[in-house]
Amino acid sequence: MIITSDIIIPDGLALRDPLQTSLGRDIISNSINLIEEIGFEQFTFKKLAIKMGSNETSLYRYFQNKHLLLLYLVVWYWNWVIYLIDYNTKNIDDPNKRLDIIIENFVDATKKNPKVDFVNEKKLHHIIIEESAKAYHTKKVDKENKEGFFKSYKKLTQKVADVVHEIEPLFPYPHAFASNLFEMANNQIYFAQHLPKLTDVKVKKEDYSDVLNMLLFYKDRMLNLNQ
């Protein structure tokens, strides 16, 4: 496991720990900037090397391919959301209030991490909205699941499912509900920005309040709250 500032990365995603060298940290930082700028389909290690003023071969010493690099960034984000949830709910006894805070973190986990200056959380959030499904909607998902690449997502889902169970012990689908909340947060922002006919929410610049209100409404109705 690669561990830094509450971020845990499973073995196998990187050939060499990028957090231990300045070049590795530059790869993470610049890949976030470049993917956010041009999109994952257009992203290549050659373009990344040019942006960094580095040798393309040196990038392959850290990541076998761009898919694993994207998955590394997505896993980083899952861990970052887990950290934010733990930090923001640690003194909250009311499980309904904790779930509201969790949903807020799902919608906009862009708080800057002062411990890690080479990750732009705001740009990483944009990548999650636009690109994260490409990291696990693949033919290799079962193999990568066996290798433990999705443990962080499972941990995040379990954390939310536990709170749902506190609120409504008889609710039959806590894990499905938890993963749905996370995916809806990203999908509804994406739809509002690019396919507005697929949603009823509006997103103006970085204002995701309409998405938050929709998810809170969904949560209350699904768990029979405030009826």
C-alpha atoms as a PDB file:
ATOM      1  CA  MET A   1       0.000   0.000   0.000  1.00  0.00           C
ATOM      2  CA  ILE A   2       1.120   3.545  -0.795  1.00  0.00           C
ATOM      3  CA  ILE A   3       0.006   5.838   2.042  1.00  0.00           C
ATOM      4  CA  THR A   4       0.271   9.612   2.275  1.00  0.00           C
ATOM      5  CA  SER A   5      -1.839  12.164   4.126  1.00  0.00           C
ATOM      6  CA  ASP A   6      -4.774   9.768   4.612  1.00  0.00           C
ATOM      7  CA  ILE A   7      -4.621   8.619   0.970  1.00  0.00           C
ATOM      8  CA  ILE A   8      -4.127   4.867   0.482  1.00  0.00           C
ATOM      9  CA  ILE A   9      -3.243   3.534  -2.977  1.00  0.00           C
ATOM     10  CA  PRO A  10      -3.329  -0.250  -3.604  1.00  0.00           C
ATOM     11  CA  ASP A  11      -0.241  -2.030  -4.844  1.00  0.00           C
ATOM     12  CA  GLY A  12      -0.173  -2.711  -8.558  1.00  0.00           C
ATOM     13  CA  LEU A  13      -1.615   0.541  -9.839  1.00  0.00           C
ATOM     14  CA  ALA A  14       1.854   2.028 -10.215  1.00  0.00           C
ATOM     15  CA  LEU A  15       5.065   0.302 -11.213  1.00  0.00           C
ATOM     16  CA  ARG A  16       6.951   2.704  -8.966  1.00  0.00           C
ATOM     17  CA  ASP A  17       5.549   4.848  -6.172  1.00  0.00           C
ATOM     18  CA  PRO A  18       5.130   8.279  -7.797  1.00  0.00           C
ATOM     19  CA  LEU A  19       4.852   9.965  -4.413  1.00  0.00           C
ATOM     20  CA  GLN A  20       8.471   9.202  -3.530  1.00  0.00           C
ATOM     21  CA  THR A  21      10.122  11.285  -6.274  1.00  0.00           C
ATOM     22  CA  SER A  22       9.708  14.783  -7.651  1.00  0.00           C
ATOM     23  CA  LEU A  23       9.209  13.319 -11.144  1.00  0.00           C
ATOM     24  CA  GLY A  24       6.472  11.028  -9.868  1.00  0.00           C
ATOM     25  CA  ARG A  25       4.665  13.883  -8.148  1.00  0.00           C
ATOM     26  CA  ASP A  26       5.017  15.947 -11.333  1.00  0.00           C
ATOM     27  CA  ILE A  27       3.380  13.109 -13.274  1.00  0.00           C
ATOM     28  CA  ILE A  28       0.378  13.165 -10.934  1.00  0.00           C
ATOM     29  CA  SER A  29       0.094  16.945 -10.958  1.00  0.00           C
ATOM     30  CA  ASN A  30       0.505  17.386 -14.707  1.00  0.00           C
ATOM     31  CA  SER A  31      -1.706  14.442 -15.618  1.00  0.00           C
ATOM     32  CA  ILE A  32      -4.547  16.023 -13.628  1.00  0.00           C
ATOM     33  CA  ASN A  33      -4.018  19.315 -15.430  1.00  0.00           C
ATOM     34  CA  LEU A  34      -3.787  17.735 -18.883  1.00  0.00           C
ATOM     35  CA  ILE A  35      -6.709  15.291 -18.546  1.00  0.00           C
ATOM     36  CA  GLU A  36      -8.874  18.101 -17.194  1.00  0.00           C
ATOM     37  CA  GLU A  37      -7.821  20.265 -20.131  1.00  0.00           C
ATOM     38  CA  ILE A  38      -8.102  17.880 -23.121  1.00  0.00           C
ATOM     39  CA  GLY A  39     -10.033  14.852 -21.831  1.00  0.00           C
ATOM     40  CA  PHE A  40      -8.959  11.258 -21.282  1.00  0.00           C
ATOM     41  CA  GLU A  41      -9.519  10.135 -24.887  1.00  0.00           C
ATOM     42  CA  GLN A  42      -7.040  12.702 -26.215  1.00  0.00           C
ATOM     43  CA  PHE A  43      -4.610  12.217 -23.332  1.00  0.00           C
ATOM     44  CA  THR A  44      -1.395  10.326 -24.116  1.00  0.00           C
ATOM     45  CA  PHE A  45       1.895   9.830 -22.316  1.00  0.00           C
ATOM     46  CA  LYS A  46       3.593  11.539 -25.245  1.00  0.00           C
ATOM     47  CA  LYS A  47       1.513  14.687 -24.693  1.00  0.00           C
ATOM     48  CA  LEU A  48       2.115  14.450 -20.957  1.00  0.00           C
ATOM     49  CA  ALA A  49       5.874  14.181 -21.485  1.00  0.00           C
ATOM     50  CA  ILE A  50       5.842  17.247 -23.738  1.00  0.00           C
ATOM     51  CA  LYS A  51       3.841  19.195 -21.151  1.00  0.00           C
ATOM     52  CA  MET A  52       6.318  18.204 -18.453  1.00  0.00           C
ATOM     53  CA  GLY A  53       9.410  18.714 -20.603  1.00  0.00           C
ATOM     54  CA  SER A  54      10.329  15.125 -19.816  1.00  0.00           C
ATOM     55  CA  ASN A  55      11.093  11.879 -21.607  1.00  0.00           C
ATOM     56  CA  GLU A  56       8.082   9.682 -22.457  1.00  0.00           C
ATOM     57  CA  THR A  57      10.027   6.558 -21.501  1.00  0.00           C
ATOM     58  CA  SER A  58      10.459   7.842 -17.947  1.00  0.00           C
ATOM     59  CA  LEU A  59       6.677   8.010 -17.507  1.00  0.00           C
ATOM     60  CA  TYR A  60       6.336   4.308 -18.275  1.00  0.00           C
ATOM     61  CA  ARG A  61       8.619   3.566 -15.347  1.00  0.00           C
ATOM     62  CA  TYR A  62       5.761   4.722 -13.105  1.00  0.00           C
ATOM     63  CA  PHE A  63       2.612   3.646 -14.942  1.00  0.00           C
ATOM     64  CA  GLN A  64       2.159   0.788 -17.391  1.00  0.00           C
ATOM     65  CA  ASN A  65      -0.545   2.648 -19.340  1.00  0.00           C
ATOM     66  CA  LYS A  66      -2.895   5.616 -19.159  1.00  0.00           C
ATOM     67  CA  HIS A  67      -5.792   3.482 -17.898  1.00  0.00           C
ATOM     68  CA  LEU A  68      -3.902   2.645 -14.710  1.00  0.00           C
ATOM     69  CA  LEU A  69      -2.912   6.279 -14.326  1.00  0.00           C
ATOM     70  CA  LEU A  70      -6.572   7.313 -14.546  1.00  0.00           C
ATOM     71  CA  LEU A  71      -7.546   4.605 -12.076  1.00  0.00           C
ATOM     72  CA  TYR A  72      -4.802   5.836  -9.746  1.00  0.00           C
ATOM     73  CA  LEU A  73      -6.346   9.322  -9.820  1.00  0.00           C
ATOM     74  CA  VAL A  74      -9.849   7.939  -9.261  1.00  0.00           C
ATOM     75  CA  VAL A  75      -8.687   5.838  -6.312  1.00  0.00           C
ATOM     76  CA  TRP A  76      -6.977   8.915  -4.922  1.00  0.00           C
ATOM     77  CA  TYR A  77     -10.288  10.784  -5.147  1.00  0.00           C
ATOM     78  CA  TRP A  78     -12.273   8.002  -3.465  1.00  0.00           C
ATOM     79  CA  ASN A  79      -9.830   8.100  -0.555  1.00  0.00           C
ATOM     80  CA  TRP A  80     -10.003  11.880  -0.416  1.00  0.00           C
ATOM     81  CA  VAL A  81     -13.803  11.758  -0.130  1.00  0.00           C
ATOM     82  CA  ILE A  82     -13.507   9.163   2.647  1.00  0.00           C
ATOM     83  CA  TYR A  83     -11.124  11.467   4.494  1.00  0.00           C
ATOM     84  CA  LEU A  84     -13.470  14.448   4.095  1.00  0.00           C
ATOM     85  CA  ILE A  85     -16.431  12.431   5.342  1.00  0.00           C
ATOM     86  CA  ASP A  86     -14.531  11.230   8.411  1.00  0.00           C
ATOM     87  CA  TYR A  87     -13.241  14.725   9.142  1.00  0.00           C
ATOM     88  CA  ASN A  88     -16.577  16.501   8.652  1.00  0.00           C
ATOM     89  CA  THR A  89     -18.772  14.006  10.514  1.00  0.00           C
ATOM     90  CA  LYS A  90     -16.551  12.977  13.438  1.00  0.00           C
ATOM     91  CA  ASN A  91     -18.504  15.000  16.026  1.00  0.00           C
ATOM     92  CA  ILE A  92     -21.974  14.567  14.512  1.00  0.00           C
ATOM     93  CA  ASP A  93     -24.194  12.133  16.433  1.00  0.00           C
ATOM     94  CA  ASP A  94     -27.326  12.460  14.309  1.00  0.00           C
ATOM     95  CA  PRO A  95     -27.025   9.940  11.431  1.00  0.00           C
ATOM     96  CA  ASN A  96     -29.415  11.934   9.236  1.00  0.00           C
ATOM     97  CA  LYS A  97     -27.206  15.004   9.606  1.00  0.00           C
ATOM     98  CA  ARG A  98     -24.137  12.861   8.867  1.00  0.00           C
ATOM     99  CA  LEU A  99     -25.746  11.598   5.675  1.00  0.00           C
ATOM    100  CA  ASP A 100     -26.507  15.166   4.613  1.00  0.00           C
ATOM    101  CA  ILE A 101     -22.837  16.057   5.107  1.00  0.00           C
ATOM    102  CA  ILE A 102     -21.787  12.965   3.163  1.00  0.00           C
ATOM    103  CA  ILE A 103     -23.990  14.014   0.257  1.00  0.00           C
ATOM    104  CA  GLU A 104     -22.505  17.513   0.367  1.00  0.00           C
ATOM    105  CA  ASN A 105     -19.029  15.959   0.070  1.00  0.00           C
ATOM    106  CA  PHE A 106     -20.202  13.788  -2.818  1.00  0.00           C
ATOM    107  CA  VAL A 107     -21.416  16.825  -4.727  1.00  0.00           C
ATOM    108  CA  ASP A 108     -18.394  19.034  -4.207  1.00  0.00           C
ATOM    109  CA  ALA A 109     -15.259  17.474  -2.705  1.00  0.00           C
ATOM    110  CA  THR A 110     -13.027  20.353  -3.808  1.00  0.00           C
ATOM    111  CA  LYS A 111     -11.632  21.407  -0.441  1.00  0.00           C
ATOM    112  CA  LYS A 112      -7.882  21.899  -0.745  1.00  0.00           C
ATOM    113  CA  ASN A 113      -5.671  19.366   1.041  1.00  0.00           C
ATOM    114  CA  PRO A 114      -2.869  21.421   2.645  1.00  0.00           C
ATOM    115  CA  LYS A 115      -0.769  18.265   3.122  1.00  0.00           C
ATOM    116  CA  VAL A 116      -0.554  17.553  -0.621  1.00  0.00           C
ATOM    117  CA  ASP A 117       0.354  20.532  -2.746  1.00  0.00           C
ATOM    118  CA  PHE A 118       0.772  18.658  -6.040  1.00  0.00           C
ATOM    119  CA  VAL A 119      -2.896  17.571  -6.351  1.00  0.00           C
ATOM    120  CA  ASN A 120      -5.433  20.148  -7.482  1.00  0.00           C
ATOM    121  CA  GLU A 121      -8.618  18.817  -5.858  1.00  0.00           C
ATOM    122  CA  LYS A 122     -10.851  21.128  -7.871  1.00  0.00           C
ATOM    123  CA  LYS A 123      -9.494  19.886 -11.205  1.00  0.00           C
ATOM    124  CA  LEU A 124      -9.522  16.305  -9.953  1.00  0.00           C
ATOM    125  CA  HIS A 125     -13.213  16.704  -9.135  1.00  0.00           C
ATOM    126  CA  HIS A 126     -13.815  17.812 -12.728  1.00  0.00           C
ATOM    127  CA  ILE A 127     -12.050  14.654 -13.930  1.00  0.00           C
ATOM    128  CA  ILE A 128     -14.206  12.481 -11.690  1.00  0.00           C
ATOM    129  CA  ILE A 129     -17.354  14.034 -13.138  1.00  0.00           C
ATOM    130  CA  GLU A 130     -16.177  13.675 -16.734  1.00  0.00           C
ATOM    131  CA  GLU A 131     -13.993  10.587 -16.772  1.00  0.00           C
ATOM    132  CA  SER A 132     -14.236   8.372 -13.666  1.00  0.00           C
ATOM    133  CA  ALA A 133     -16.591   5.733 -15.112  1.00  0.00           C
ATOM    134  CA  LYS A 134     -13.936   4.955 -17.733  1.00  0.00           C
ATOM    135  CA  ALA A 135     -11.674   3.736 -14.944  1.00  0.00           C
ATOM    136  CA  TYR A 136     -13.901   0.764 -14.034  1.00  0.00           C
ATOM    137  CA  HIS A 137     -16.352   0.279 -16.930  1.00  0.00           C
ATOM    138  CA  THR A 138     -13.792  -1.916 -18.666  1.00  0.00           C
ATOM    139  CA  LYS A 139     -13.320  -5.553 -19.688  1.00  0.00           C
ATOM    140  CA  LYS A 140     -10.613  -5.885 -17.030  1.00  0.00           C
ATOM    141  CA  VAL A 141     -12.819  -4.830 -14.122  1.00  0.00           C
ATOM    142  CA  ASP A 142     -13.120  -8.352 -12.648  1.00  0.00           C
ATOM    143  CA  LYS A 143      -9.363  -8.929 -12.760  1.00  0.00           C
ATOM    144  CA  GLU A 144      -8.654  -5.504 -11.287  1.00  0.00           C
ATOM    145  CA  ASN A 145     -11.269  -6.101  -8.621  1.00  0.00           C
ATOM    146  CA  LYS A 146      -9.457  -9.290  -7.567  1.00  0.00           C
ATOM    147  CA  GLU A 147      -6.255  -7.261  -7.351  1.00  0.00           C
ATOM    148  CA  GLY A 148      -7.933  -4.927  -4.855  1.00  0.00           C
ATOM    149  CA  PHE A 149      -8.046  -1.788  -6.960  1.00  0.00           C
ATOM    150  CA  PHE A 150     -11.609  -0.956  -5.888  1.00  0.00           C
ATOM    151  CA  LYS A 151     -11.268  -1.432  -2.141  1.00  0.00           C
ATOM    152  CA  SER A 152     -11.501   2.309  -1.565  1.00  0.00           C
ATOM    153  CA  TYR A 153     -14.791   2.573  -3.453  1.00  0.00           C
ATOM    154  CA  LYS A 154     -16.159  -0.374  -1.478  1.00  0.00           C
ATOM    155  CA  LYS A 155     -15.005   1.248   1.762  1.00  0.00           C
ATOM    156  CA  LEU A 156     -16.686   4.498   0.772  1.00  0.00           C
ATOM    157  CA  THR A 157     -19.915   2.688  -0.109  1.00  0.00           C
ATOM    158  CA  GLN A 158     -19.847   0.698   3.128  1.00  0.00           C
ATOM    159  CA  LYS A 159     -19.331   3.857   5.148  1.00  0.00           C
ATOM    160  CA  VAL A 160     -22.468   5.391   3.631  1.00  0.00           C
ATOM    161  CA  ALA A 161     -24.456   2.145   3.869  1.00  0.00           C
ATOM    162  CA  ASP A 162     -23.694   1.999   7.608  1.00  0.00           C
ATOM    163  CA  VAL A 163     -25.167   5.478   8.090  1.00  0.00           C
ATOM    164  CA  VAL A 164     -28.225   4.532   6.028  1.00  0.00           C
ATOM    165  CA  HIS A 165     -28.678   1.484   8.262  1.00  0.00           C
ATOM    166  CA  GLU A 166     -28.542   3.728  11.343  1.00  0.00           C
ATOM    167  CA  ILE A 167     -31.290   5.921   9.920  1.00  0.00           C
ATOM    168  CA  GLU A 168     -33.506   3.097   8.691  1.00  0.00           C
ATOM    169  CA  PRO A 169     -32.441  -0.396   9.860  1.00  0.00           C
ATOM    170  CA  LEU A 170     -35.026  -2.100   7.647  1.00  0.00           C
ATOM    171  CA  PHE A 171     -34.054  -0.303   4.433  1.00  0.00           C
ATOM    172  CA  PRO A 172     -33.399  -3.204   2.017  1.00  0.00           C
ATOM    173  CA  TYR A 173     -30.817  -1.655  -0.341  1.00  0.00           C
ATOM    174  CA  PRO A 174     -28.256   0.362   1.674  1.00  0.00           C
ATOM    175  CA  HIS A 175     -25.246  -0.400  -0.552  1.00  0.00           C
ATOM    176  CA  ALA A 176     -27.128   0.216  -3.789  1.00  0.00           C
ATOM    177  CA  PHE A 177     -28.452   3.457  -2.319  1.00  0.00           C
ATOM    178  CA  ALA A 178     -24.964   4.517  -1.219  1.00  0.00           C
ATOM    179  CA  SER A 179     -23.323   3.904  -4.598  1.00  0.00           C
ATOM    180  CA  ASN A 180     -26.323   5.486  -6.325  1.00  0.00           C
ATOM    181  CA  LEU A 181     -25.890   8.692  -4.348  1.00  0.00           C
ATOM    182  CA  PHE A 182     -22.237   8.937  -5.338  1.00  0.00           C
ATOM    183  CA  GLU A 183     -22.833   8.160  -9.004  1.00  0.00           C
ATOM    184  CA  MET A 184     -25.868  10.457  -9.179  1.00  0.00           C
ATOM    185  CA  ALA A 185     -23.854  13.348  -7.809  1.00  0.00           C
ATOM    186  CA  ASN A 186     -21.366  13.019 -10.657  1.00  0.00           C
ATOM    187  CA  ASN A 187     -23.834  12.077 -13.397  1.00  0.00           C
ATOM    188  CA  GLN A 188     -26.305  14.852 -12.664  1.00  0.00           C
ATOM    189  CA  ILE A 189     -23.557  17.480 -12.743  1.00  0.00           C
ATOM    190  CA  TYR A 190     -22.350  16.001 -16.037  1.00  0.00           C
ATOM    191  CA  PHE A 191     -25.843  15.934 -17.512  1.00  0.00           C
ATOM    192  CA  ALA A 192     -26.552  19.500 -16.422  1.00  0.00           C
ATOM    193  CA  GLN A 193     -23.340  20.674 -18.066  1.00  0.00           C
ATOM    194  CA  HIS A 194     -23.469  18.636 -21.273  1.00  0.00           C
ATOM    195  CA  LEU A 195     -26.818  16.805 -21.718  1.00  0.00           C
ATOM    196  CA  PRO A 196     -29.357  19.063 -20.007  1.00  0.00           C
ATOM    197  CA  LYS A 197     -32.376  17.228 -21.435  1.00  0.00           C
ATOM    198  CA  LEU A 198     -31.446  14.259 -19.227  1.00  0.00           C
ATOM    199  CA  THR A 199     -31.840  16.119 -15.945  1.00  0.00           C
ATOM    200  CA  ASP A 200     -33.967  18.704 -14.150  1.00  0.00           C
ATOM    201  CA  VAL A 201     -31.125  20.380 -12.276  1.00  0.00           C
ATOM    202  CA  LYS A 202     -29.113  23.412 -13.295  1.00  0.00           C
ATOM    203  CA  VAL A 203     -25.398  23.954 -12.796  1.00  0.00           C
ATOM    204  CA  LYS A 204     -23.973  27.443 -13.209  1.00  0.00           C
ATOM    205  CA  LYS A 205     -20.179  27.557 -13.204  1.00  0.00           C
ATOM    206  CA  GLU A 206     -19.144  25.897  -9.922  1.00  0.00           C
ATOM    207  CA  ASP A 207     -22.533  26.204  -8.222  1.00  0.00           C
ATOM    208  CA  TYR A 208     -23.787  22.657  -7.576  1.00  0.00           C
ATOM    209  CA  SER A 209     -26.489  23.625  -5.075  1.00  0.00           C
ATOM    210  CA  ASP A 210     -29.310  22.425  -7.317  1.00  0.00           C
ATOM    211  CA  VAL A 211     -27.706  18.976  -7.522  1.00  0.00           C
ATOM    212  CA  LEU A 212     -27.289  18.924  -3.740  1.00  0.00           C
ATOM    213  CA  ASN A 213     -30.943  19.831  -3.214  1.00  0.00           C
ATOM    214  CA  MET A 214     -32.040  17.074  -5.601  1.00  0.00           C
ATOM    215  CA  LEU A 215     -29.961  14.447  -3.791  1.00  0.00           C
ATOM    216  CA  LEU A 216     -31.228  15.557  -0.388  1.00  0.00           C
ATOM    217  CA  PHE A 217     -34.798  15.332  -1.717  1.00  0.00           C
ATOM    218  CA  TYR A 218     -34.059  11.853  -3.093  1.00  0.00           C
ATOM    219  CA  LYS A 219     -32.552  10.790   0.232  1.00  0.00           C
ATOM    220  CA  ASP A 220     -35.528  12.011   2.261  1.00  0.00           C
ATOM    221  CA  ARG A 221     -38.054  10.294  -0.006  1.00  0.00           C
ATOM    222  CA  MET A 222     -36.171   7.014  -0.235  1.00  0.00           C
ATOM    223  CA  LEU A 223     -35.700   6.797   3.536  1.00  0.00           C
ATOM    224  CA  ASN A 224     -39.201   8.128   4.291  1.00  0.00           C
ATOM    225  CA  LEU A 225     -37.899  11.171   6.120  1.00  0.00           C
ATOM    226  CA  ASN A 226     -39.843  14.400   6.665  1.00  0.00           C
ATOM    227  CA  GLN A 227     -43.060  12.791   5.477  1.00  0.00           C
END
